[in-house]
Amino acid sequence: MKKALICGVSGQDGAYLSQFLLNKGYEVYGTSRDAQASLFQNLVQLGIREKIKYESMCLSDFRSVLQVLMKIEPDEIYNLAGQSSVGLSFKQPVETLESISVGTLNLLEAIRLVGKSIKFYNAGSSECFGDTGGVAADENTPFRPRSPYAVAKSAAFWEVVNYREAYGLFACSGILFNHESPLRSDRFVTKKIITAICRIVEGKQEFLHLGNTSIERDWGWAPEYVVAMWKMLQQSDPDDFVIATGESCSLEEFIKTAFSSFDLDWNDYVIADSSLLRPSDLAVSKASPEKAEKILGWKAHYHMKDVVRLMVEQAKG
C-alpha cells in the first residue's frame, strides 16, 4: 500500500485528492498546523474524515517538516498548502510569500535530507504567467507575475526545478488554471456568485457586488484536476504540466450562466463595485494544455457551463 502525504488536505484540492487516492488504495496522511483543533469540513462533506490519518505540521518550520517526513516515510507528497487567495495576497504579502515559497523549499530540502525516493508534487498556478496578451500559455511561456500570490508561486516553481536538476529529485509542478467546485470558500468569486444567487432567491439578499466582470478565465472542474496531479507522479520522469480546459470565458458569461440556471436576469442583481478591484489583475487568462493530453493522457471533460451546472445542482440540494 502506497503512502501519500497531502499538505493542505483540508482545502478543496486536498479533499478531492484524498478521496481519489483512497479509492486507489493509498494510505493517506494529511497535515494541518494543529491537526487536533482542525475541523476538516471539506473532508467531512465528502464522507472521508475518518479514513485519513493526520499530523500537525507547520510548513514554514523546517524542523516540523523534517520530523513528519521521517515519521511517515511517504511514497508521494502533494504540496497543496499555503495562502490560496490572489486577492488576499495583496493584504497579506509576507504571509503569502512565506507559506508558499518557504513552505515549498522546506519540503524539498527535507526530501533531499531524508534521502528516500519520495515523489513530490507542487501546486503551481496559472497566475504566474501574468498577462500574456491573449496568447494561450503553455509550459514554455515566461512568467510575469502580477500579484504577491503569483510571485510566491513563481518562486516555488523555480525551487522545484532547481531541486530536480541539482539533486535529481522526482519533483514536478502542475501549473493549474482556475478549477472550481462546491468545496470552494465564498472568498472565491465562483462560489461567491452561486451562494449570493441562492440568498437572492431565498429573499435574504438583494444584490451581488462584484469587481471587474470582463476578465476572462479558464474554469475547470476541481475533481478532474486532482487526477492530473496523481498522473504526474506516475510518470517515469518528473516534468511540469499546464492543466486546464483550453477554453476561456468572461466572468460575465459565468455570471449570466449561473443566474439563468435560476431563471433570473443577472443585470437586475449585479452591481459593479470599484472597492472590489485589485491593484493589478489579469485581463485575459488562456491555456494550452496539449502536453498534458499527449504525455499524461489527461484531458478536461467539464468546461465552464458544466462547472456552473454542477455547482448549482449542489447548491439547490
Protein backbone atom coordinates (compact mmCIF):
# COMPACT_ATOMS: atom_id res chain seq x y z
CA MET A 1 0.00 0.00 0.00
CA LYS A 2 1.44 3.34 -1.06
CA LYS A 3 1.55 6.18 1.44
CA ALA A 4 0.67 9.72 0.36
CA LEU A 5 1.21 12.85 2.43
CA ILE A 6 -1.07 15.76 1.49
CA CYS A 7 -0.10 19.21 2.75
CA GLY A 8 -3.21 21.34 2.59
CA VAL A 9 -5.51 18.34 2.99
CA SER A 10 -8.41 20.48 4.25
CA GLY A 11 -8.67 22.64 1.13
CA GLN A 12 -10.72 21.97 -2.00
CA ASP A 13 -7.96 20.16 -3.89
CA GLY A 14 -6.68 18.35 -0.81
CA ALA A 15 -10.13 16.94 -0.11
CA TYR A 16 -10.78 15.71 -3.65
CA LEU A 17 -7.23 14.33 -3.95
CA SER A 18 -7.68 12.45 -0.66
CA GLN A 19 -10.89 10.92 -1.96
CA PHE A 20 -9.22 9.92 -5.23
CA LEU A 21 -6.16 8.38 -3.55
CA LEU A 22 -8.27 6.47 -1.01
CA ASN A 23 -10.18 4.94 -3.91
CA LYS A 24 -6.82 3.98 -5.42
CA GLY A 25 -5.95 2.07 -2.25
CA TYR A 26 -3.50 4.58 -0.78
CA GLU A 27 -2.85 5.14 2.89
CA VAL A 28 -3.50 8.88 3.10
CA TYR A 29 -1.95 11.27 5.61
CA GLY A 30 -2.96 14.91 5.86
CA THR A 31 -1.28 17.81 7.60
CA SER A 32 -2.58 20.87 9.38
CA ARG A 33 -0.91 23.44 11.64
CA ASP A 34 -2.90 21.94 14.51
CA ALA A 35 -4.45 18.64 13.45
CA GLN A 36 -6.26 18.15 16.77
CA ALA A 37 -8.06 21.50 16.52
CA SER A 38 -8.88 21.37 12.78
CA LEU A 39 -12.43 20.52 11.75
CA PHE A 40 -11.60 19.35 8.18
CA GLN A 41 -15.10 20.31 6.99
CA ASN A 42 -14.41 19.54 3.32
CA LEU A 43 -13.36 16.01 4.26
CA VAL A 44 -16.47 15.65 6.40
CA GLN A 45 -18.57 16.80 3.44
CA LEU A 46 -17.03 14.09 1.25
CA GLY A 47 -17.52 11.48 3.97
CA ILE A 48 -13.82 10.63 4.30
CA ARG A 49 -12.84 12.47 7.50
CA GLU A 50 -12.24 9.25 9.45
CA LYS A 51 -10.36 7.49 6.64
CA ILE A 52 -7.34 9.81 6.78
CA LYS A 53 -4.52 9.98 9.31
CA TYR A 54 -3.48 13.44 10.48
CA GLU A 55 -0.26 15.08 11.58
CA SER A 56 0.36 18.60 12.87
CA MET A 57 2.95 20.33 10.71
CA CYS A 58 3.97 23.94 10.08
CA LEU A 59 5.43 24.27 6.59
CA SER A 60 7.42 27.38 7.50
CA ASP A 61 9.16 25.45 10.33
CA PHE A 62 11.82 23.19 8.78
CA ARG A 63 12.21 21.05 11.91
CA SER A 64 8.46 20.36 11.90
CA VAL A 65 8.52 19.35 8.22
CA LEU A 66 11.53 17.08 8.62
CA GLN A 67 10.07 15.31 11.66
CA VAL A 68 6.81 14.50 9.87
CA LEU A 69 8.60 13.16 6.77
CA MET A 70 10.86 10.95 8.88
CA LYS A 71 7.89 9.63 10.86
CA ILE A 72 5.56 8.86 7.94
CA GLU A 73 8.09 7.96 5.23
CA PRO A 74 5.63 8.71 2.40
CA ASP A 75 6.00 7.48 -1.16
CA GLU A 76 4.38 10.61 -2.54
CA ILE A 77 4.00 14.16 -1.21
CA TYR A 78 1.44 16.61 -2.58
CA ASN A 79 2.09 20.22 -1.63
CA LEU A 80 -1.29 21.97 -1.86
CA ALA A 81 -0.80 24.18 1.18
CA GLY A 82 -0.21 27.90 1.58
CA GLN A 83 -2.28 31.06 1.32
CA SER A 84 -4.51 30.41 -1.71
CA SER A 85 -6.28 33.71 -2.48
CA VAL A 86 -4.90 36.14 -5.06
CA GLY A 87 -6.98 38.96 -3.63
CA LEU A 88 -5.92 38.30 -0.04
CA SER A 89 -2.26 38.19 -1.08
CA PHE A 90 -2.31 41.97 -1.64
CA LYS A 91 -3.33 42.38 2.02
CA GLN A 92 -1.02 39.64 3.36
CA PRO A 93 2.02 39.61 1.04
CA VAL A 94 4.54 38.39 3.64
CA GLU A 95 2.36 35.52 4.86
CA THR A 96 1.66 34.59 1.25
CA LEU A 97 5.33 34.51 0.28
CA GLU A 98 6.39 32.59 3.37
CA SER A 99 3.61 30.00 3.34
CA ILE A 100 4.11 29.21 -0.34
CA SER A 101 7.78 29.71 -1.23
CA VAL A 102 9.41 28.93 2.14
CA GLY A 103 6.99 26.05 2.71
CA THR A 104 7.85 24.51 -0.66
CA LEU A 105 11.58 24.97 -0.05
CA ASN A 106 11.35 23.27 3.36
CA LEU A 107 9.61 20.26 1.82
CA LEU A 108 12.19 19.94 -0.95
CA GLU A 109 15.13 20.26 1.44
CA ALA A 110 13.59 17.74 3.84
CA ILE A 111 13.09 15.25 1.00
CA ARG A 112 16.73 15.72 -0.01
CA LEU A 113 17.99 15.15 3.53
CA VAL A 114 15.76 12.14 4.22
CA GLY A 115 17.37 10.56 1.17
CA LYS A 116 14.50 8.28 0.21
CA SER A 117 12.86 8.09 -3.22
CA ILE A 118 9.90 10.32 -2.43
CA LYS A 119 7.96 11.72 -5.38
CA PHE A 120 6.93 15.35 -4.93
CA TYR A 121 4.06 17.28 -6.50
CA ASN A 122 3.89 21.06 -6.16
CA ALA A 123 0.76 23.10 -6.82
CA GLY A 124 1.76 25.75 -9.33
CA SER A 125 -0.58 28.42 -10.68
CA SER A 126 -1.60 30.00 -13.97
CA GLU A 127 -1.28 33.34 -12.17
CA CYS A 128 2.49 33.01 -12.66
CA PHE A 129 2.10 33.78 -16.37
CA GLY A 130 0.61 37.20 -15.78
CA ASP A 131 -0.87 38.93 -18.81
CA THR A 132 0.13 37.04 -21.96
CA GLY A 133 -1.71 39.42 -24.29
CA GLY A 134 -4.42 36.90 -25.04
CA VAL A 135 -1.92 34.22 -26.15
CA ALA A 136 -2.57 30.74 -24.72
CA ALA A 137 0.12 29.89 -22.17
CA ASP A 138 1.99 26.58 -22.22
CA GLU A 139 4.94 25.14 -20.27
CA ASN A 140 7.42 27.37 -22.13
CA THR A 141 5.61 30.66 -21.61
CA PRO A 142 7.67 33.11 -19.47
CA PHE A 143 6.40 34.07 -16.02
CA ARG A 144 5.35 37.69 -15.44
CA PRO A 145 3.58 37.56 -12.05
CA ARG A 146 1.28 40.45 -11.18
CA SER A 147 0.33 39.70 -7.56
CA PRO A 148 2.13 38.68 -4.36
CA TYR A 149 0.44 35.28 -4.74
CA ALA A 150 1.81 34.84 -8.27
CA VAL A 151 5.30 35.97 -7.17
CA ALA A 152 5.26 33.34 -4.40
CA LYS A 153 4.03 30.61 -6.75
CA SER A 154 6.69 31.55 -9.30
CA ALA A 155 9.43 31.27 -6.67
CA ALA A 156 8.11 27.87 -5.58
CA PHE A 157 8.02 26.67 -9.20
CA TRP A 158 11.69 27.50 -9.75
CA GLU A 159 12.64 25.93 -6.42
CA VAL A 160 11.13 22.68 -7.71
CA VAL A 161 13.06 22.96 -11.00
CA ASN A 162 16.27 23.69 -9.10
CA TYR A 163 15.99 20.66 -6.79
CA ARG A 164 15.04 18.43 -9.70
CA GLU A 165 18.07 19.49 -11.74
CA ALA A 166 20.60 19.91 -8.93
CA TYR A 167 19.77 16.89 -6.77
CA GLY A 168 17.85 14.56 -9.07
CA LEU A 169 14.65 14.70 -7.01
CA PHE A 170 11.43 13.45 -8.59
CA ALA A 171 9.77 16.83 -8.21
CA CYS A 172 7.25 18.45 -10.51
CA SER A 173 4.71 21.26 -10.64
CA GLY A 174 1.24 21.33 -12.05
CA ILE A 175 0.52 24.79 -13.45
CA LEU A 176 -3.20 24.71 -12.82
CA PHE A 177 -5.64 27.20 -14.25
CA ASN A 178 -8.84 28.05 -12.36
CA HIS A 179 -10.68 24.98 -11.11
CA GLU A 180 -13.84 25.14 -9.04
CA SER A 181 -16.31 23.04 -7.05
CA PRO A 182 -18.87 23.31 -4.24
CA LEU A 183 -15.96 22.93 -1.79
CA ARG A 184 -14.63 26.39 -2.66
CA SER A 185 -14.98 29.03 0.05
CA ASP A 186 -17.02 32.17 -0.59
CA ARG A 187 -13.74 34.09 -0.94
CA PHE A 188 -13.52 32.68 -4.47
CA VAL A 189 -15.72 34.57 -6.91
CA THR A 190 -17.36 31.47 -8.43
CA LYS A 191 -18.65 30.23 -5.08
CA LYS A 192 -19.49 33.80 -4.04
CA ILE A 193 -21.75 34.09 -7.10
CA ILE A 194 -23.58 30.79 -6.52
CA THR A 195 -24.05 31.50 -2.81
CA ALA A 196 -25.35 35.01 -3.50
CA ILE A 197 -27.89 33.81 -6.07
CA CYS A 198 -29.25 31.26 -3.59
CA ARG A 199 -29.61 34.01 -0.99
CA ILE A 200 -31.33 36.28 -3.54
CA VAL A 201 -33.80 33.51 -4.41
CA GLU A 202 -34.48 32.96 -0.70
CA GLY A 203 -35.04 36.68 -0.16
CA LYS A 204 -32.02 37.01 2.15
CA GLN A 205 -30.02 39.25 -0.18
CA GLU A 206 -30.92 41.89 -2.76
CA PHE A 207 -27.81 42.41 -4.87
CA LEU A 208 -24.44 40.87 -5.72
CA HIS A 209 -21.44 43.23 -5.61
CA LEU A 210 -18.57 42.31 -7.94
CA GLY A 211 -15.41 43.91 -9.30
CA ASN A 212 -14.29 43.60 -12.90
CA THR A 213 -16.67 41.22 -14.71
CA SER A 214 -14.93 41.50 -18.10
CA ILE A 215 -11.92 39.38 -17.06
CA GLU A 216 -11.55 36.05 -18.86
CA ARG A 217 -10.54 32.83 -17.16
CA ASP A 218 -10.23 29.13 -17.96
CA TRP A 219 -12.59 27.44 -15.48
CA GLY A 220 -12.43 23.69 -14.92
CA TRP A 221 -13.85 21.11 -12.52
CA ALA A 222 -11.59 20.51 -9.50
CA PRO A 223 -12.21 16.73 -9.08
CA GLU A 224 -10.77 16.23 -12.58
CA TYR A 225 -7.68 18.28 -11.86
CA VAL A 226 -6.52 16.17 -8.89
CA VAL A 227 -6.33 13.18 -11.26
CA ALA A 228 -3.75 15.11 -13.29
CA MET A 229 -1.70 15.68 -10.13
CA TRP A 230 -1.58 11.96 -9.46
CA LYS A 231 -0.75 11.15 -13.08
CA MET A 232 2.29 13.43 -12.93
CA LEU A 233 3.79 11.32 -10.15
CA GLN A 234 3.18 8.08 -12.05
CA GLN A 235 5.48 9.07 -14.93
CA SER A 236 8.96 7.62 -15.36
CA ASP A 237 10.50 11.11 -15.40
CA PRO A 238 9.41 14.23 -13.50
CA ASP A 239 8.15 17.19 -15.52
CA ASP A 240 5.90 20.23 -15.28
CA PHE A 241 2.47 20.46 -16.92
CA VAL A 242 -0.18 23.07 -17.66
CA ILE A 243 -3.55 21.74 -16.52
CA ALA A 244 -6.61 23.47 -17.96
CA THR A 245 -9.64 23.04 -20.23
CA GLY A 246 -8.18 25.16 -23.03
CA GLU A 247 -11.38 27.23 -23.14
CA SER A 248 -11.58 30.72 -21.60
CA CYS A 249 -14.77 32.62 -20.80
CA SER A 250 -15.51 36.03 -19.29
CA LEU A 251 -16.69 36.35 -15.72
CA GLU A 252 -19.78 37.98 -17.17
CA GLU A 253 -20.55 34.76 -19.07
CA PHE A 254 -20.12 32.78 -15.86
CA ILE A 255 -22.49 35.14 -14.04
CA LYS A 256 -25.07 35.05 -16.82
CA THR A 257 -24.99 31.24 -16.94
CA ALA A 258 -25.36 30.98 -13.16
CA PHE A 259 -28.29 33.42 -12.92
CA SER A 260 -30.08 31.83 -15.88
CA SER A 261 -29.92 28.50 -14.02
CA PHE A 262 -32.36 30.11 -11.57
CA ASP A 263 -34.38 31.81 -14.36
CA LEU A 264 -33.05 35.22 -13.33
CA ASP A 265 -31.58 38.10 -15.38
CA TRP A 266 -28.19 38.91 -13.90
CA ASN A 267 -28.48 42.57 -14.97
CA ASP A 268 -31.17 43.05 -12.31
CA TYR A 269 -28.95 41.97 -9.44
CA VAL A 270 -25.25 42.58 -10.15
CA ILE A 271 -23.67 45.86 -9.03
CA ALA A 272 -20.19 46.94 -10.15
CA ASP A 273 -18.20 47.78 -7.01
CA SER A 274 -14.88 49.58 -7.51
CA SER A 275 -13.82 48.72 -3.94
CA LEU A 276 -13.51 45.08 -5.05
CA LEU A 277 -10.99 45.85 -7.82
CA ARG A 278 -7.45 44.55 -7.25
CA PRO A 279 -4.35 46.78 -7.50
CA SER A 280 -3.44 44.76 -10.60
CA ASP A 281 -5.27 41.93 -12.31
CA LEU A 282 -5.14 39.81 -15.44
CA ALA A 283 -7.49 40.83 -18.23
CA VAL A 284 -7.32 37.50 -20.05
CA SER A 285 -6.04 34.10 -18.94
CA LYS A 286 -5.74 31.42 -21.63
CA ALA A 287 -4.18 27.97 -21.58
CA SER A 288 -2.68 25.44 -23.95
CA PRO A 289 -2.92 22.05 -22.17
CA GLU A 290 -1.85 19.86 -25.11
CA LYS A 291 1.26 18.49 -23.36
CA ALA A 292 -0.84 17.03 -20.52
CA GLU A 293 -3.11 15.27 -23.00
CA LYS A 294 -0.19 13.93 -25.03
CA ILE A 295 2.03 12.72 -22.18
CA LEU A 296 -0.31 12.18 -19.23
CA GLY A 297 -3.34 11.12 -21.23
CA TRP A 298 -5.31 13.72 -19.27
CA LYS A 299 -7.99 15.95 -20.76
CA ALA A 300 -10.69 18.06 -19.10
CA HIS A 301 -14.22 16.83 -19.79
CA TYR A 302 -16.03 19.56 -17.88
CA HIS A 303 -15.97 23.18 -19.06
CA MET A 304 -17.37 26.42 -17.63
CA LYS A 305 -21.06 25.70 -18.22
CA ASP A 306 -20.65 22.20 -16.75
CA VAL A 307 -18.93 23.69 -13.69
CA VAL A 308 -21.80 26.15 -13.16
CA ARG A 309 -24.38 23.37 -13.58
CA LEU A 310 -22.65 21.09 -11.08
CA MET A 311 -22.18 23.87 -8.52
CA VAL A 312 -25.81 24.98 -8.90
CA GLU A 313 -27.08 21.39 -8.52
CA GLN A 314 -25.15 21.08 -5.27
CA ALA A 315 -26.42 24.44 -4.03
CA LYS A 316 -30.03 23.55 -4.79
CA GLY A 317 -29.59 20.26 -2.95
